Amino acid sequence: MTIVTHSFGTGLIKSSEVNTNFNDLTSALDSITTTNLHESAGIVSSQLADKYGLSPWSISVVPFSRDTTLSTTGTNALYICGTADTEIIRTTTRVQSSKKASIAFIEVYCVEKVADTTDPKITIKLDDIILGGVGRVITTDHVSDASGFHYIYNSNPISNPLINFDNNQTLKVLIGGQGNSPKIRGVTVTLWIKEELAS
């Protein structure tokens, strides 16, 4: 930080010199940069204008293939869905004490699905709350439609996340055939987590 304009000794101090020094201090405080902050300054996220980060949490729900080769394609690599929703994955959330976190956006990717009158349906729950309100029917896949992406989100998902969550809640992913036995493989769920920054 730049020193003030006037240094005082034992002589007479002028008011204009004091005012200039105060102006120097005001200018210096208004121009603080990261180089002026010590590593032990102790700034916390609540003091930041933008205190949230966005990061992906990706979960492999159904493997790419149950065969021994990654090049296998076709019905012998597909998994048969149960007629009712079946829980496939269960995991827990982790949030640092006193920090806030939420699920802003969910991306579901499917390599391949084969309908059996109905398509597979995926349901994602936080404890017993269905995210997005209802399960998402997998109507397209990468093999047949060159897409395979399905999304669950609110409008303006960063400022209006799907749901807030606390530490040690249970996240569940279920897949079902809607009363029939469609087949599916290569399902990944990516949750975009908006979380308050922590040290």
N, C-alpha and C. Protein backbone atom coordinates (compact mmCIF):
# COMPACT_ATOMS: atom_id res chain seq x y z
N MET A 1 0.86 -1.19 0.00
CA MET A 1 0.00 0.00 0.00
C MET A 1 0.89 1.24 0.00
N THR A 2 0.57 2.24 -0.79
CA THR A 2 1.38 3.46 -0.91
C THR A 2 1.33 4.28 0.37
N ILE A 3 2.49 4.85 0.77
CA ILE A 3 2.51 5.69 1.97
C ILE A 3 1.82 7.02 1.66
N VAL A 4 1.44 7.72 2.74
CA VAL A 4 0.75 9.00 2.56
C VAL A 4 1.71 10.06 2.07
N THR A 5 1.15 11.17 1.57
CA THR A 5 1.95 12.22 0.95
C THR A 5 2.88 12.91 1.94
N HIS A 6 2.34 13.22 3.11
CA HIS A 6 3.09 14.03 4.07
C HIS A 6 3.51 13.20 5.28
N SER A 7 4.79 13.36 5.65
CA SER A 7 5.30 12.78 6.89
C SER A 7 5.52 13.93 7.87
N PHE A 8 5.12 13.75 9.12
CA PHE A 8 5.18 14.85 10.09
C PHE A 8 6.32 14.64 11.08
N GLY A 9 6.98 15.75 11.34
CA GLY A 9 8.02 15.74 12.36
C GLY A 9 7.56 16.55 13.56
N THR A 10 8.45 17.43 14.05
CA THR A 10 8.12 18.24 15.23
C THR A 10 7.59 19.61 14.85
N GLY A 11 7.59 19.91 13.54
CA GLY A 11 7.16 21.23 13.10
C GLY A 11 5.65 21.39 13.09
N LEU A 12 5.23 22.54 12.63
CA LEU A 12 3.81 22.90 12.58
C LEU A 12 3.11 22.06 11.50
N ILE A 13 1.96 21.47 11.86
CA ILE A 13 1.20 20.64 10.92
C ILE A 13 0.08 21.48 10.33
N LYS A 14 -0.04 21.47 9.00
CA LYS A 14 -1.10 22.22 8.33
C LYS A 14 -2.33 21.33 8.12
N SER A 15 -3.48 21.94 8.23
CA SER A 15 -4.73 21.18 8.03
C SER A 15 -4.81 20.61 6.62
N SER A 16 -4.28 21.34 5.65
CA SER A 16 -4.32 20.86 4.26
C SER A 16 -3.50 19.59 4.09
N GLU A 17 -2.39 19.50 4.84
CA GLU A 17 -1.54 18.31 4.78
C GLU A 17 -2.26 17.10 5.39
N VAL A 18 -2.95 17.36 6.50
CA VAL A 18 -3.72 16.27 7.15
C VAL A 18 -4.83 15.81 6.21
N ASN A 19 -5.51 16.76 5.59
CA ASN A 19 -6.59 16.40 4.66
C ASN A 19 -6.06 15.59 3.48
N THR A 20 -4.89 15.99 2.99
CA THR A 20 -4.29 15.25 1.88
C THR A 20 -3.98 13.81 2.29
N ASN A 21 -3.45 13.65 3.50
CA ASN A 21 -3.15 12.30 4.00
C ASN A 21 -4.42 11.46 4.14
N PHE A 22 -5.49 12.08 4.62
CA PHE A 22 -6.76 11.35 4.73
C PHE A 22 -7.27 10.95 3.34
N ASN A 23 -7.09 11.82 2.38
CA ASN A 23 -7.48 11.49 1.00
C ASN A 23 -6.64 10.33 0.47
N ASP A 24 -5.35 10.33 0.83
CA ASP A 24 -4.48 9.22 0.43
C ASP A 24 -4.99 7.90 1.01
N LEU A 25 -5.37 7.92 2.28
CA LEU A 25 -5.87 6.72 2.95
C LEU A 25 -7.18 6.24 2.33
N THR A 26 -8.07 7.20 2.06
CA THR A 26 -9.35 6.85 1.44
C THR A 26 -9.14 6.20 0.08
N SER A 27 -8.25 6.79 -0.71
CA SER A 27 -7.95 6.25 -2.03
C SER A 27 -7.34 4.86 -1.93
N ALA A 28 -6.46 4.66 -0.94
CA ALA A 28 -5.82 3.36 -0.76
C ALA A 28 -6.84 2.30 -0.36
N LEU A 29 -7.76 2.64 0.54
CA LEU A 29 -8.78 1.68 0.98
C LEU A 29 -9.74 1.32 -0.15
N ASP A 30 -10.01 2.31 -1.00
CA ASP A 30 -10.92 2.06 -2.13
C ASP A 30 -10.25 1.25 -3.24
N SER A 31 -8.93 1.08 -3.14
CA SER A 31 -8.18 0.40 -4.21
C SER A 31 -7.53 -0.89 -3.72
N ILE A 32 -8.07 -1.47 -2.66
CA ILE A 32 -7.50 -2.71 -2.13
C ILE A 32 -7.65 -3.84 -3.15
N THR A 33 -6.59 -4.58 -3.37
CA THR A 33 -6.60 -5.75 -4.26
C THR A 33 -6.17 -6.98 -3.47
N THR A 34 -6.15 -8.11 -4.14
CA THR A 34 -5.74 -9.36 -3.46
C THR A 34 -4.31 -9.28 -2.95
N THR A 35 -3.47 -8.48 -3.60
CA THR A 35 -2.08 -8.37 -3.13
C THR A 35 -2.00 -7.68 -1.77
N ASN A 36 -3.05 -6.93 -1.40
CA ASN A 36 -3.05 -6.24 -0.10
C ASN A 36 -3.59 -7.13 1.02
N LEU A 37 -4.11 -8.31 0.66
CA LEU A 37 -4.72 -9.19 1.67
C LEU A 37 -3.74 -10.27 2.09
N HIS A 38 -3.57 -10.39 3.38
CA HIS A 38 -2.69 -11.43 3.91
C HIS A 38 -3.40 -12.77 3.87
N GLU A 39 -2.64 -13.86 3.73
CA GLU A 39 -3.24 -15.20 3.64
C GLU A 39 -4.02 -15.58 4.89
N SER A 40 -3.74 -14.89 6.01
CA SER A 40 -4.46 -15.17 7.26
C SER A 40 -5.56 -14.14 7.53
N ALA A 41 -6.00 -13.42 6.47
CA ALA A 41 -7.00 -12.37 6.66
C ALA A 41 -8.32 -12.91 7.20
N GLY A 42 -8.63 -14.18 6.92
CA GLY A 42 -9.83 -14.80 7.48
C GLY A 42 -11.12 -14.37 6.83
N ILE A 43 -11.07 -14.02 5.55
CA ILE A 43 -12.30 -13.65 4.84
C ILE A 43 -13.15 -14.90 4.63
N VAL A 44 -14.43 -14.81 4.94
CA VAL A 44 -15.34 -15.95 4.82
C VAL A 44 -16.32 -15.70 3.68
N SER A 45 -17.01 -16.77 3.26
CA SER A 45 -17.87 -16.67 2.08
C SER A 45 -18.98 -15.64 2.24
N SER A 46 -19.48 -15.44 3.45
CA SER A 46 -20.57 -14.49 3.66
C SER A 46 -20.15 -13.05 3.36
N GLN A 47 -18.83 -12.79 3.27
CA GLN A 47 -18.33 -11.45 2.97
C GLN A 47 -18.10 -11.24 1.48
N LEU A 48 -18.34 -12.28 0.68
CA LEU A 48 -18.11 -12.19 -0.76
C LEU A 48 -19.39 -11.82 -1.49
N ALA A 49 -19.25 -11.07 -2.58
CA ALA A 49 -20.41 -10.71 -3.40
C ALA A 49 -20.99 -11.96 -4.07
N ASP A 50 -20.12 -12.87 -4.50
CA ASP A 50 -20.56 -14.13 -5.12
C ASP A 50 -19.98 -15.26 -4.29
N LYS A 51 -20.78 -15.81 -3.38
CA LYS A 51 -20.26 -16.76 -2.41
C LYS A 51 -20.58 -18.22 -2.74
N TYR A 52 -21.09 -18.47 -3.95
CA TYR A 52 -21.47 -19.84 -4.31
C TYR A 52 -20.63 -20.35 -5.47
N GLY A 53 -20.37 -21.64 -5.44
CA GLY A 53 -19.71 -22.33 -6.53
C GLY A 53 -20.67 -23.35 -7.14
N LEU A 54 -20.39 -23.77 -8.38
CA LEU A 54 -21.22 -24.76 -9.07
C LEU A 54 -20.33 -25.91 -9.48
N SER A 55 -20.70 -27.12 -9.10
CA SER A 55 -19.87 -28.28 -9.42
C SER A 55 -20.73 -29.49 -9.73
N PRO A 56 -20.23 -30.40 -10.59
CA PRO A 56 -21.00 -31.59 -10.96
C PRO A 56 -20.78 -32.74 -9.99
N TRP A 57 -21.81 -33.51 -9.74
CA TRP A 57 -21.75 -34.74 -8.95
C TRP A 57 -22.34 -35.82 -9.84
N SER A 58 -21.47 -36.63 -10.42
CA SER A 58 -21.90 -37.59 -11.43
C SER A 58 -22.01 -38.99 -10.83
N ILE A 59 -23.13 -39.67 -11.12
CA ILE A 59 -23.40 -41.00 -10.57
C ILE A 59 -23.69 -41.97 -11.72
N SER A 60 -22.91 -43.04 -11.79
CA SER A 60 -23.18 -44.09 -12.78
C SER A 60 -24.29 -44.99 -12.24
N VAL A 61 -25.44 -45.00 -12.93
CA VAL A 61 -26.62 -45.71 -12.42
C VAL A 61 -26.73 -47.10 -13.03
N VAL A 62 -26.61 -47.19 -14.35
CA VAL A 62 -26.63 -48.48 -15.05
C VAL A 62 -25.38 -48.55 -15.91
N PRO A 63 -24.59 -49.65 -15.83
CA PRO A 63 -23.34 -49.75 -16.59
C PRO A 63 -23.55 -49.66 -18.09
N PHE A 64 -22.47 -49.32 -18.78
CA PHE A 64 -22.49 -49.25 -20.24
C PHE A 64 -22.87 -50.61 -20.82
N SER A 65 -22.28 -51.68 -20.27
CA SER A 65 -22.55 -53.03 -20.78
C SER A 65 -22.29 -54.04 -19.68
N ARG A 66 -23.00 -55.16 -19.70
CA ARG A 66 -22.72 -56.23 -18.75
C ARG A 66 -21.84 -57.31 -19.38
N ASP A 67 -21.41 -57.08 -20.62
CA ASP A 67 -20.54 -58.03 -21.31
C ASP A 67 -19.07 -57.69 -21.05
N THR A 68 -18.19 -58.49 -21.56
CA THR A 68 -16.77 -58.33 -21.27
C THR A 68 -16.07 -57.32 -22.17
N THR A 69 -16.73 -56.88 -23.22
CA THR A 69 -16.10 -55.95 -24.15
C THR A 69 -16.89 -54.67 -24.27
N LEU A 70 -16.21 -53.55 -24.29
CA LEU A 70 -16.87 -52.25 -24.40
C LEU A 70 -17.43 -52.02 -25.80
N SER A 71 -17.02 -52.84 -26.76
CA SER A 71 -17.50 -52.65 -28.13
C SER A 71 -18.83 -53.36 -28.37
N THR A 72 -19.31 -54.11 -27.38
CA THR A 72 -20.56 -54.85 -27.55
C THR A 72 -21.73 -53.90 -27.71
N THR A 73 -22.60 -54.17 -28.67
CA THR A 73 -23.83 -53.41 -28.83
C THR A 73 -24.97 -54.38 -29.06
N GLY A 74 -26.19 -53.88 -28.94
CA GLY A 74 -27.34 -54.74 -29.18
C GLY A 74 -28.00 -55.20 -27.90
N THR A 75 -29.01 -56.05 -28.07
CA THR A 75 -29.85 -56.41 -26.93
C THR A 75 -29.12 -57.22 -25.87
N ASN A 76 -28.05 -57.90 -26.24
CA ASN A 76 -27.35 -58.71 -25.23
C ASN A 76 -26.57 -57.85 -24.23
N ALA A 77 -26.48 -56.54 -24.49
CA ALA A 77 -25.79 -55.64 -23.56
C ALA A 77 -26.77 -54.82 -22.73
N LEU A 78 -28.07 -55.05 -22.90
CA LEU A 78 -29.08 -54.23 -22.23
C LEU A 78 -29.58 -54.89 -20.95
N TYR A 79 -29.94 -54.07 -20.00
CA TYR A 79 -30.51 -54.55 -18.74
C TYR A 79 -32.04 -54.43 -18.80
N ILE A 80 -32.72 -55.42 -18.28
CA ILE A 80 -34.18 -55.43 -18.30
C ILE A 80 -34.70 -54.67 -17.07
N CYS A 81 -35.55 -53.69 -17.31
CA CYS A 81 -36.15 -52.92 -16.20
C CYS A 81 -37.24 -53.74 -15.53
N GLY A 82 -37.37 -53.59 -14.23
CA GLY A 82 -38.50 -54.17 -13.52
C GLY A 82 -39.77 -53.42 -13.90
N THR A 83 -40.90 -54.09 -13.77
CA THR A 83 -42.16 -53.42 -14.13
C THR A 83 -42.46 -52.26 -13.20
N ALA A 84 -42.04 -52.38 -11.94
CA ALA A 84 -42.22 -51.30 -10.96
C ALA A 84 -40.89 -50.57 -10.75
N ASP A 85 -40.95 -49.39 -10.17
CA ASP A 85 -39.72 -48.65 -9.88
C ASP A 85 -38.84 -49.44 -8.92
N THR A 86 -37.57 -49.57 -9.27
CA THR A 86 -36.61 -50.30 -8.44
C THR A 86 -35.46 -49.39 -8.07
N GLU A 87 -35.14 -49.31 -6.79
CA GLU A 87 -34.04 -48.47 -6.36
C GLU A 87 -32.72 -49.09 -6.81
N ILE A 88 -31.93 -48.29 -7.55
CA ILE A 88 -30.66 -48.76 -8.10
C ILE A 88 -29.47 -48.23 -7.30
N ILE A 89 -29.55 -46.98 -6.92
CA ILE A 89 -28.44 -46.31 -6.23
C ILE A 89 -28.99 -45.57 -5.01
N ARG A 90 -28.20 -45.63 -3.93
CA ARG A 90 -28.51 -44.83 -2.74
C ARG A 90 -27.20 -44.27 -2.21
N THR A 91 -27.17 -42.95 -1.97
CA THR A 91 -25.98 -42.31 -1.43
C THR A 91 -26.42 -41.16 -0.51
N THR A 92 -25.47 -40.53 0.16
CA THR A 92 -25.82 -39.46 1.09
C THR A 92 -25.16 -38.15 0.68
N THR A 93 -25.78 -37.05 1.09
CA THR A 93 -25.25 -35.71 0.80
C THR A 93 -24.27 -35.30 1.91
N ARG A 94 -23.35 -34.45 1.54
CA ARG A 94 -22.38 -33.92 2.51
C ARG A 94 -22.28 -32.41 2.34
N VAL A 95 -22.54 -31.69 3.42
CA VAL A 95 -22.47 -30.23 3.42
C VAL A 95 -21.75 -29.80 4.69
N GLN A 96 -20.81 -28.88 4.57
CA GLN A 96 -20.10 -28.39 5.75
C GLN A 96 -21.06 -27.66 6.67
N SER A 97 -20.86 -27.81 7.96
CA SER A 97 -21.73 -27.19 8.96
C SER A 97 -21.89 -25.70 8.71
N SER A 98 -23.11 -25.22 8.79
CA SER A 98 -23.52 -23.81 8.64
C SER A 98 -23.49 -23.34 7.19
N LYS A 99 -23.08 -24.20 6.24
CA LYS A 99 -23.05 -23.80 4.84
C LYS A 99 -24.34 -24.25 4.13
N LYS A 100 -24.67 -23.56 3.04
CA LYS A 100 -25.88 -23.86 2.28
C LYS A 100 -25.52 -24.57 0.97
N ALA A 101 -26.40 -25.49 0.57
CA ALA A 101 -26.18 -26.20 -0.69
C ALA A 101 -27.52 -26.56 -1.31
N SER A 102 -27.55 -26.70 -2.62
CA SER A 102 -28.78 -27.05 -3.32
C SER A 102 -28.45 -27.78 -4.62
N ILE A 103 -29.44 -28.52 -5.12
CA ILE A 103 -29.34 -29.15 -6.43
C ILE A 103 -29.98 -28.19 -7.42
N ALA A 104 -29.16 -27.65 -8.31
CA ALA A 104 -29.65 -26.63 -9.24
C ALA A 104 -30.22 -27.24 -10.52
N PHE A 105 -29.63 -28.34 -10.96
CA PHE A 105 -29.90 -28.83 -12.31
C PHE A 105 -29.53 -30.31 -12.35
N ILE A 106 -30.35 -31.12 -13.01
CA ILE A 106 -30.04 -32.55 -13.15
C ILE A 106 -29.98 -32.91 -14.62
N GLU A 107 -28.92 -33.62 -14.98
CA GLU A 107 -28.73 -34.10 -16.35
C GLU A 107 -28.71 -35.62 -16.33
N VAL A 108 -29.61 -36.25 -17.08
CA VAL A 108 -29.66 -37.70 -17.20
C VAL A 108 -29.22 -38.08 -18.61
N TYR A 109 -28.25 -38.98 -18.69
CA TYR A 109 -27.75 -39.41 -20.00
C TYR A 109 -27.97 -40.91 -20.16
N CYS A 110 -28.48 -41.33 -21.31
CA CYS A 110 -28.75 -42.74 -21.59
C CYS A 110 -28.08 -43.14 -22.90
N VAL A 111 -27.25 -44.19 -22.86
CA VAL A 111 -26.60 -44.67 -24.08
C VAL A 111 -27.62 -45.34 -25.00
N GLU A 112 -28.45 -46.26 -24.43
CA GLU A 112 -29.39 -46.99 -25.27
C GLU A 112 -30.57 -47.48 -24.45
N LYS A 113 -31.75 -47.46 -25.07
CA LYS A 113 -32.94 -48.02 -24.45
C LYS A 113 -33.78 -48.67 -25.55
N VAL A 114 -34.50 -49.71 -25.16
CA VAL A 114 -35.41 -50.39 -26.08
C VAL A 114 -36.76 -50.48 -25.39
N ALA A 115 -37.78 -49.88 -26.01
CA ALA A 115 -39.11 -49.84 -25.39
C ALA A 115 -39.77 -51.23 -25.41
N ASP A 116 -40.66 -51.43 -24.47
CA ASP A 116 -41.54 -52.61 -24.44
C ASP A 116 -42.94 -52.07 -24.17
N THR A 117 -43.57 -51.52 -25.20
CA THR A 117 -44.83 -50.77 -25.09
C THR A 117 -44.59 -49.43 -24.40
N THR A 118 -43.86 -49.46 -23.31
CA THR A 118 -43.51 -48.22 -22.60
C THR A 118 -41.99 -48.07 -22.56
N ASP A 119 -41.54 -46.85 -22.33
CA ASP A 119 -40.11 -46.57 -22.17
C ASP A 119 -39.73 -46.68 -20.70
N PRO A 120 -38.42 -46.83 -20.43
CA PRO A 120 -37.97 -46.80 -19.03
C PRO A 120 -38.24 -45.43 -18.40
N LYS A 121 -38.38 -45.43 -17.09
CA LYS A 121 -38.57 -44.17 -16.36
C LYS A 121 -37.57 -44.11 -15.21
N ILE A 122 -36.95 -42.95 -15.05
CA ILE A 122 -36.00 -42.76 -13.96
C ILE A 122 -36.58 -41.75 -12.97
N THR A 123 -36.47 -42.08 -11.70
CA THR A 123 -36.98 -41.21 -10.63
C THR A 123 -35.85 -40.92 -9.66
N ILE A 124 -35.64 -39.65 -9.36
CA ILE A 124 -34.57 -39.24 -8.46
C ILE A 124 -35.20 -38.60 -7.23
N LYS A 125 -34.84 -39.11 -6.05
CA LYS A 125 -35.46 -38.63 -4.81
C LYS A 125 -34.39 -38.12 -3.84
N LEU A 126 -34.75 -37.07 -3.12
CA LEU A 126 -33.99 -36.64 -1.95
C LEU A 126 -34.83 -37.00 -0.75
N ASP A 127 -34.36 -37.97 0.03
CA ASP A 127 -35.20 -38.63 1.02
C ASP A 127 -36.43 -39.15 0.27
N ASP A 128 -37.63 -38.65 0.54
CA ASP A 128 -38.81 -39.15 -0.17
C ASP A 128 -39.43 -38.11 -1.11
N ILE A 129 -38.68 -37.04 -1.37
CA ILE A 129 -39.16 -35.99 -2.28
C ILE A 129 -38.67 -36.29 -3.69
N ILE A 130 -39.58 -36.40 -4.65
CA ILE A 130 -39.20 -36.64 -6.05
C ILE A 130 -38.73 -35.32 -6.67
N LEU A 131 -37.50 -35.29 -7.12
CA LEU A 131 -36.96 -34.07 -7.71
C LEU A 131 -37.58 -33.83 -9.08
N GLY A 132 -38.07 -32.63 -9.27
CA GLY A 132 -38.80 -32.30 -10.48
C GLY A 132 -40.27 -32.65 -10.40
N GLY A 133 -40.70 -33.22 -9.28
CA GLY A 133 -42.12 -33.52 -9.07
C GLY A 133 -42.56 -34.89 -9.55
N VAL A 134 -42.02 -35.37 -10.66
CA VAL A 134 -42.40 -36.68 -11.21
C VAL A 134 -41.14 -37.33 -11.79
N GLY A 135 -41.22 -38.67 -12.03
CA GLY A 135 -40.14 -39.37 -12.70
C GLY A 135 -40.01 -38.91 -14.15
N ARG A 136 -38.83 -39.08 -14.72
CA ARG A 136 -38.57 -38.65 -16.08
C ARG A 136 -38.52 -39.88 -17.01
N VAL A 137 -39.39 -39.90 -18.00
CA VAL A 137 -39.43 -41.01 -18.96
C VAL A 137 -38.28 -40.84 -19.95
N ILE A 138 -37.51 -41.92 -20.16
CA ILE A 138 -36.37 -41.89 -21.07
C ILE A 138 -36.86 -42.17 -22.49
N THR A 139 -37.18 -41.13 -23.23
CA THR A 139 -37.78 -41.27 -24.56
C THR A 139 -36.74 -41.30 -25.67
N THR A 140 -35.53 -40.81 -25.41
CA THR A 140 -34.48 -40.79 -26.42
C THR A 140 -33.19 -41.37 -25.84
N ASP A 141 -32.32 -41.83 -26.72
CA ASP A 141 -31.01 -42.33 -26.28
C ASP A 141 -29.95 -41.94 -27.29
N HIS A 142 -28.70 -42.19 -26.94
CA HIS A 142 -27.60 -41.78 -27.82
C HIS A 142 -27.54 -42.64 -29.08
N VAL A 143 -27.78 -43.95 -28.95
CA VAL A 143 -27.66 -44.86 -30.08
C VAL A 143 -28.69 -44.55 -31.16
N SER A 144 -29.93 -44.35 -30.76
CA SER A 144 -31.01 -44.18 -31.75
C SER A 144 -31.24 -42.73 -32.15
N ASP A 145 -30.97 -41.81 -31.25
CA ASP A 145 -31.36 -40.42 -31.50
C ASP A 145 -30.18 -39.45 -31.50
N ALA A 146 -28.96 -39.97 -31.29
CA ALA A 146 -27.76 -39.13 -31.24
C ALA A 146 -27.87 -38.02 -30.19
N SER A 147 -28.66 -38.27 -29.16
CA SER A 147 -28.80 -37.30 -28.08
C SER A 147 -28.60 -38.03 -26.76
N GLY A 148 -29.67 -38.53 -26.22
CA GLY A 148 -29.56 -39.27 -24.96
C GLY A 148 -29.62 -38.44 -23.71
N PHE A 149 -29.69 -37.10 -23.86
CA PHE A 149 -29.72 -36.24 -22.68
C PHE A 149 -31.16 -35.90 -22.30
N HIS A 150 -31.43 -35.93 -21.01
CA HIS A 150 -32.71 -35.53 -20.45
C HIS A 150 -32.40 -34.61 -19.26
N TYR A 151 -33.22 -33.58 -19.08
CA TYR A 151 -32.91 -32.58 -18.07
C TYR A 151 -34.08 -32.36 -17.11
N ILE A 152 -33.70 -32.10 -15.86
CA ILE A 152 -34.69 -31.76 -14.83
C ILE A 152 -34.21 -30.47 -14.17
N TYR A 153 -35.00 -29.40 -14.26
CA TYR A 153 -34.59 -28.13 -13.68
C TYR A 153 -35.76 -27.16 -13.65
N ASN A 154 -35.62 -26.14 -12.83
CA ASN A 154 -36.57 -25.02 -12.83
C ASN A 154 -36.06 -23.96 -13.80
N SER A 155 -36.94 -23.03 -14.18
CA SER A 155 -36.46 -21.89 -14.96
C SER A 155 -35.48 -21.11 -14.10
N ASN A 156 -34.43 -20.57 -14.72
CA ASN A 156 -33.35 -19.88 -14.01
C ASN A 156 -32.79 -20.77 -12.89
N PRO A 157 -32.24 -21.93 -13.24
CA PRO A 157 -31.87 -22.92 -12.21
C PRO A 157 -30.81 -22.47 -11.22
N ILE A 158 -29.96 -21.53 -11.60
CA ILE A 158 -28.93 -21.09 -10.66
C ILE A 158 -29.55 -20.26 -9.54
N SER A 159 -30.44 -19.34 -9.91
CA SER A 159 -31.10 -18.52 -8.89
C SER A 159 -32.33 -19.19 -8.31
N ASN A 160 -32.83 -20.23 -8.97
CA ASN A 160 -34.03 -20.93 -8.53
C ASN A 160 -33.79 -22.45 -8.59
N PRO A 161 -32.97 -22.97 -7.67
CA PRO A 161 -32.61 -24.39 -7.71
C PRO A 161 -33.81 -25.32 -7.50
N LEU A 162 -33.61 -26.58 -7.85
CA LEU A 162 -34.66 -27.58 -7.65
C LEU A 162 -34.99 -27.77 -6.18
N ILE A 163 -33.94 -27.90 -5.35
CA ILE A 163 -34.17 -28.18 -3.93
C ILE A 163 -32.91 -27.88 -3.13
N ASN A 164 -33.08 -27.38 -1.92
CA ASN A 164 -31.96 -27.23 -0.99
C ASN A 164 -31.76 -28.54 -0.23
N PHE A 165 -30.54 -28.79 0.18
CA PHE A 165 -30.32 -30.00 0.98
C PHE A 165 -29.35 -29.75 2.12
N ASP A 166 -29.44 -30.61 3.11
CA ASP A 166 -28.60 -30.53 4.30
C ASP A 166 -27.62 -31.69 4.32
N ASN A 167 -26.75 -31.68 5.30
CA ASN A 167 -25.80 -32.77 5.45
C ASN A 167 -26.52 -34.08 5.81
N ASN A 168 -26.06 -35.16 5.21
CA ASN A 168 -26.51 -36.52 5.53
C ASN A 168 -27.98 -36.78 5.20
N GLN A 169 -28.46 -36.19 4.10
CA GLN A 169 -29.74 -36.62 3.56
C GLN A 169 -29.49 -37.74 2.56
N THR A 170 -30.53 -38.49 2.23
CA THR A 170 -30.37 -39.65 1.36
C THR A 170 -30.86 -39.34 -0.05
N LEU A 171 -29.99 -39.56 -1.01
CA LEU A 171 -30.33 -39.39 -2.42
C LEU A 171 -30.52 -40.78 -3.03
N LYS A 172 -31.65 -40.97 -3.73
CA LYS A 172 -31.97 -42.28 -4.31
C LYS A 172 -32.27 -42.13 -5.79
N VAL A 173 -31.86 -43.13 -6.57
CA VAL A 173 -32.19 -43.19 -8.00
C VAL A 173 -32.91 -44.50 -8.26
N LEU A 174 -34.11 -44.39 -8.86
CA LEU A 174 -34.93 -45.57 -9.15
C LEU A 174 -35.19 -45.64 -10.65
N ILE A 175 -35.26 -46.85 -11.18
CA ILE A 175 -35.61 -47.06 -12.59
C ILE A 175 -36.71 -48.11 -12.66
N GLY A 176 -37.71 -47.86 -13.50
CA GLY A 176 -38.82 -48.80 -13.67
C GLY A 176 -39.32 -48.81 -15.10
N GLY A 177 -40.11 -49.85 -15.41
CA GLY A 177 -40.60 -50.03 -16.76
C GLY A 177 -42.01 -49.56 -17.01
N GLN A 178 -42.60 -48.88 -16.04
CA GLN A 178 -43.97 -48.38 -16.16
C GLN A 178 -44.96 -49.51 -16.47
N GLY A 179 -44.79 -50.62 -15.77
CA GLY A 179 -45.70 -51.76 -15.93
C GLY A 179 -45.27 -52.76 -16.97
N ASN A 180 -44.20 -52.45 -17.71
CA ASN A 180 -43.68 -53.37 -18.72
C ASN A 180 -42.20 -53.63 -18.46
N SER A 181 -41.50 -54.21 -19.45
CA SER A 181 -40.10 -54.60 -19.25
C SER A 181 -39.18 -54.05 -20.35
N PRO A 182 -39.10 -52.74 -20.48
CA PRO A 182 -38.15 -52.17 -21.44
C PRO A 182 -36.71 -52.45 -21.00
N LYS A 183 -35.78 -52.22 -21.91
CA LYS A 183 -34.37 -52.49 -21.62
C LYS A 183 -33.58 -51.19 -21.69
N ILE A 184 -32.44 -51.18 -21.00
CA ILE A 184 -31.67 -49.94 -20.91
C ILE A 184 -30.23 -50.25 -20.56
N ARG A 185 -29.33 -49.38 -20.97
CA ARG A 185 -27.92 -49.49 -20.55
C ARG A 185 -27.27 -48.11 -20.60
N GLY A 186 -26.17 -47.99 -19.88
CA GLY A 186 -25.38 -46.77 -19.91
C GLY A 186 -26.10 -45.53 -19.42
N VAL A 187 -26.60 -45.57 -18.18
CA VAL A 187 -27.32 -44.42 -17.62
C VAL A 187 -26.45 -43.71 -16.58
N THR A 188 -26.28 -42.42 -16.79
CA THR A 188 -25.52 -41.59 -15.85
C THR A 188 -26.38 -40.41 -15.41
N VAL A 189 -26.37 -40.14 -14.13
CA VAL A 189 -27.08 -38.97 -13.58
C VAL A 189 -26.03 -37.98 -13.07
N THR A 190 -26.08 -36.75 -13.57
CA THR A 190 -25.17 -35.70 -13.09
C THR A 190 -26.00 -34.62 -12.43
N LEU A 191 -25.74 -34.40 -11.15
CA LEU A 191 -26.41 -33.33 -10.40
C LEU A 191 -25.46 -32.15 -10.31
N TRP A 192 -25.94 -30.99 -10.73
CA TRP A 192 -25.13 -29.78 -10.62
C TRP A 192 -25.45 -29.14 -9.27
N ILE A 193 -24.42 -29.09 -8.42
CA ILE A 193 -24.59 -28.65 -7.03
C ILE A 193 -24.15 -27.19 -6.89
N LYS A 194 -25.06 -26.38 -6.38
CA LYS A 194 -24.74 -24.99 -6.02
C LYS A 194 -24.46 -24.98 -4.52
N GLU A 195 -23.24 -24.63 -4.17
CA GLU A 195 -22.82 -24.76 -2.76
C GLU A 195 -22.07 -23.53 -2.30
N GLU A 196 -22.36 -23.12 -1.08
CA GLU A 196 -21.66 -21.99 -0.49
C GLU A 196 -20.19 -22.35 -0.30
N LEU A 197 -19.31 -21.43 -0.68
CA LEU A 197 -17.88 -21.69 -0.60
C LEU A 197 -17.45 -21.92 0.84
N ALA A 198 -16.53 -22.85 1.00
CA ALA A 198 -16.03 -23.19 2.33
C ALA A 198 -14.51 -23.18 2.30
N SER A 199 -13.91 -23.00 3.46
CA SER A 199 -12.44 -22.99 3.52
C SER A 199 -11.90 -24.39 3.49
